[in-house]
């Protein structure tokens, strides 16, 4: 299981994320930049975490269009 979390998240505080990741067996925890403060870095880090977890080395991957506006959603 992949568990992605970040600092500065008011809905899912880091201490809860860490506790959850430690409680689940075979969990890989990745920390990413905060979504609302660094939207592009967040999106790229989540992409990297998922690709790494799935073992995708980018072969045959077509880059997707970025939809992040930089504004909170």
C-alpha atoms as a PDB file:
ATOM      1  CA  UNK A   1       0.000   0.000   0.000  1.00  0.00           C
ATOM      2  CA  UNK A   2       1.184   3.504  -0.755  1.00  0.00           C
ATOM      3  CA  UNK A   3       0.432   6.231   1.756  1.00  0.00           C
ATOM      4  CA  UNK A   4       1.085   9.787   0.558  1.00  0.00           C
ATOM      5  CA  UNK A   5       0.933  12.656   3.008  1.00  0.00           C
ATOM      6  CA  UNK A   6       2.237  16.155   3.426  1.00  0.00           C
ATOM      7  CA  UNK A   7       2.900  18.755   6.023  1.00  0.00           C
ATOM      8  CA  UNK A   8       0.556  21.696   6.507  1.00  0.00           C
ATOM      9  CA  UNK A   9      -2.623  19.710   5.742  1.00  0.00           C
ATOM     10  CA  UNK A  10      -5.458  20.944   7.973  1.00  0.00           C
ATOM     11  CA  UNK A  11      -7.742  17.988   7.124  1.00  0.00           C
ATOM     12  CA  UNK A  12      -5.189  15.210   7.494  1.00  0.00           C
ATOM     13  CA  UNK A  13      -2.538  16.313  10.012  1.00  0.00           C
ATOM     14  CA  UNK A  14       0.897  14.779   9.671  1.00  0.00           C
ATOM     15  CA  UNK A  15       0.737  12.961  13.024  1.00  0.00           C
ATOM     16  CA  UNK A  16      -2.408  11.134  11.868  1.00  0.00           C
ATOM     17  CA  UNK A  17      -0.780  10.287   8.531  1.00  0.00           C
ATOM     18  CA  UNK A  18       2.299   8.890  10.272  1.00  0.00           C
ATOM     19  CA  UNK A  19       0.214   6.856  12.714  1.00  0.00           C
ATOM     20  CA  UNK A  20      -1.923   5.447   9.905  1.00  0.00           C
ATOM     21  CA  UNK A  21       1.099   4.491   7.798  1.00  0.00           C
ATOM     22  CA  UNK A  22       2.741   2.783  10.785  1.00  0.00           C
ATOM     23  CA  UNK A  23      -0.473   0.900  11.605  1.00  0.00           C
ATOM     24  CA  UNK A  24      -0.985  -0.648   8.167  1.00  0.00           C
ATOM     25  CA  UNK A  25       1.111  -3.657   7.127  1.00  0.00           C
ATOM     26  CA  UNK A  26       3.377  -3.398   4.076  1.00  0.00           C
ATOM     27  CA  UNK A  27       2.837   0.339   3.712  1.00  0.00           C
ATOM     28  CA  UNK A  28       5.247   2.620   1.913  1.00  0.00           C
ATOM     29  CA  UNK A  29       4.927   6.172   3.230  1.00  0.00           C
ATOM     30  CA  UNK A  30       5.899   9.146   1.080  1.00  0.00           C
ATOM     31  CA  UNK A  31       5.845  12.788   2.130  1.00  0.00           C
ATOM     32  CA  UNK A  32       5.078  15.431  -0.483  1.00  0.00           C
ATOM     33  CA  UNK A  33       5.089  19.242  -0.453  1.00  0.00           C
ATOM     34  CA  UNK A  34       1.893  20.904   0.792  1.00  0.00           C
ATOM     35  CA  UNK A  35      -0.807  21.105  -1.867  1.00  0.00           C
ATOM     36  CA  UNK A  36      -2.025  24.597  -1.073  1.00  0.00           C
ATOM     37  CA  UNK A  37       1.398  26.188  -0.619  1.00  0.00           C
ATOM     38  CA  UNK A  38       3.303  24.447  -3.439  1.00  0.00           C
ATOM     39  CA  UNK A  39       0.703  23.104  -5.899  1.00  0.00           C
ATOM     40  CA  UNK A  40       3.044  22.244  -8.778  1.00  0.00           C
ATOM     41  CA  UNK A  41       5.665  20.636  -6.550  1.00  0.00           C
ATOM     42  CA  UNK A  42       2.873  18.707  -4.806  1.00  0.00           C
ATOM     43  CA  UNK A  43       1.472  17.401  -8.077  1.00  0.00           C
ATOM     44  CA  UNK A  44       4.905  16.341  -9.353  1.00  0.00           C
ATOM     45  CA  UNK A  45       5.801  14.640  -6.057  1.00  0.00           C
ATOM     46  CA  UNK A  46       2.517  12.698  -5.994  1.00  0.00           C
ATOM     47  CA  UNK A  47       3.091  11.637  -9.613  1.00  0.00           C
ATOM     48  CA  UNK A  48       6.613  10.485  -8.736  1.00  0.00           C
ATOM     49  CA  UNK A  49       5.428   8.601  -5.645  1.00  0.00           C
ATOM     50  CA  UNK A  50       2.729   6.721  -7.552  1.00  0.00           C
ATOM     51  CA  UNK A  51       5.008   5.908 -10.505  1.00  0.00           C
ATOM     52  CA  UNK A  52       7.737   4.685  -8.173  1.00  0.00           C
ATOM     53  CA  UNK A  53       5.268   2.576  -6.211  1.00  0.00           C
ATOM     54  CA  UNK A  54       3.884   1.008  -9.389  1.00  0.00           C
ATOM     55  CA  UNK A  55       7.361   0.453 -10.797  1.00  0.00           C
ATOM     56  CA  UNK A  56       6.772   2.643 -13.856  1.00  0.00           C
ATOM     57  CA  UNK A  57      10.079   3.922 -15.174  1.00  0.00           C
ATOM     58  CA  UNK A  58       8.374   6.180 -17.711  1.00  0.00           C
ATOM     59  CA  UNK A  59       8.498   3.712 -20.590  1.00  0.00           C
ATOM     60  CA  UNK A  60       5.697   4.446 -23.003  1.00  0.00           C
ATOM     61  CA  UNK A  61       4.337   7.179 -20.753  1.00  0.00           C
ATOM     62  CA  UNK A  62       2.643  10.115 -22.380  1.00  0.00           C
ATOM     63  CA  UNK A  63       2.953  13.172 -20.140  1.00  0.00           C
ATOM     64  CA  UNK A  64      -0.426  14.432 -19.023  1.00  0.00           C
ATOM     65  CA  UNK A  65      -1.458  18.032 -19.270  1.00  0.00           C
ATOM     66  CA  UNK A  66      -1.060  19.864 -15.961  1.00  0.00           C
ATOM     67  CA  UNK A  67      -4.361  21.112 -14.638  1.00  0.00           C
ATOM     68  CA  UNK A  68      -3.126  22.777 -11.483  1.00  0.00           C
ATOM     69  CA  UNK A  69      -3.944  26.482 -11.511  1.00  0.00           C
ATOM     70  CA  UNK A  70      -1.980  27.382  -8.440  1.00  0.00           C
ATOM     71  CA  UNK A  71      -5.173  28.343  -6.651  1.00  0.00           C
ATOM     72  CA  UNK A  72      -6.718  26.221  -3.896  1.00  0.00           C
ATOM     73  CA  UNK A  73      -9.630  24.088  -5.039  1.00  0.00           C
END
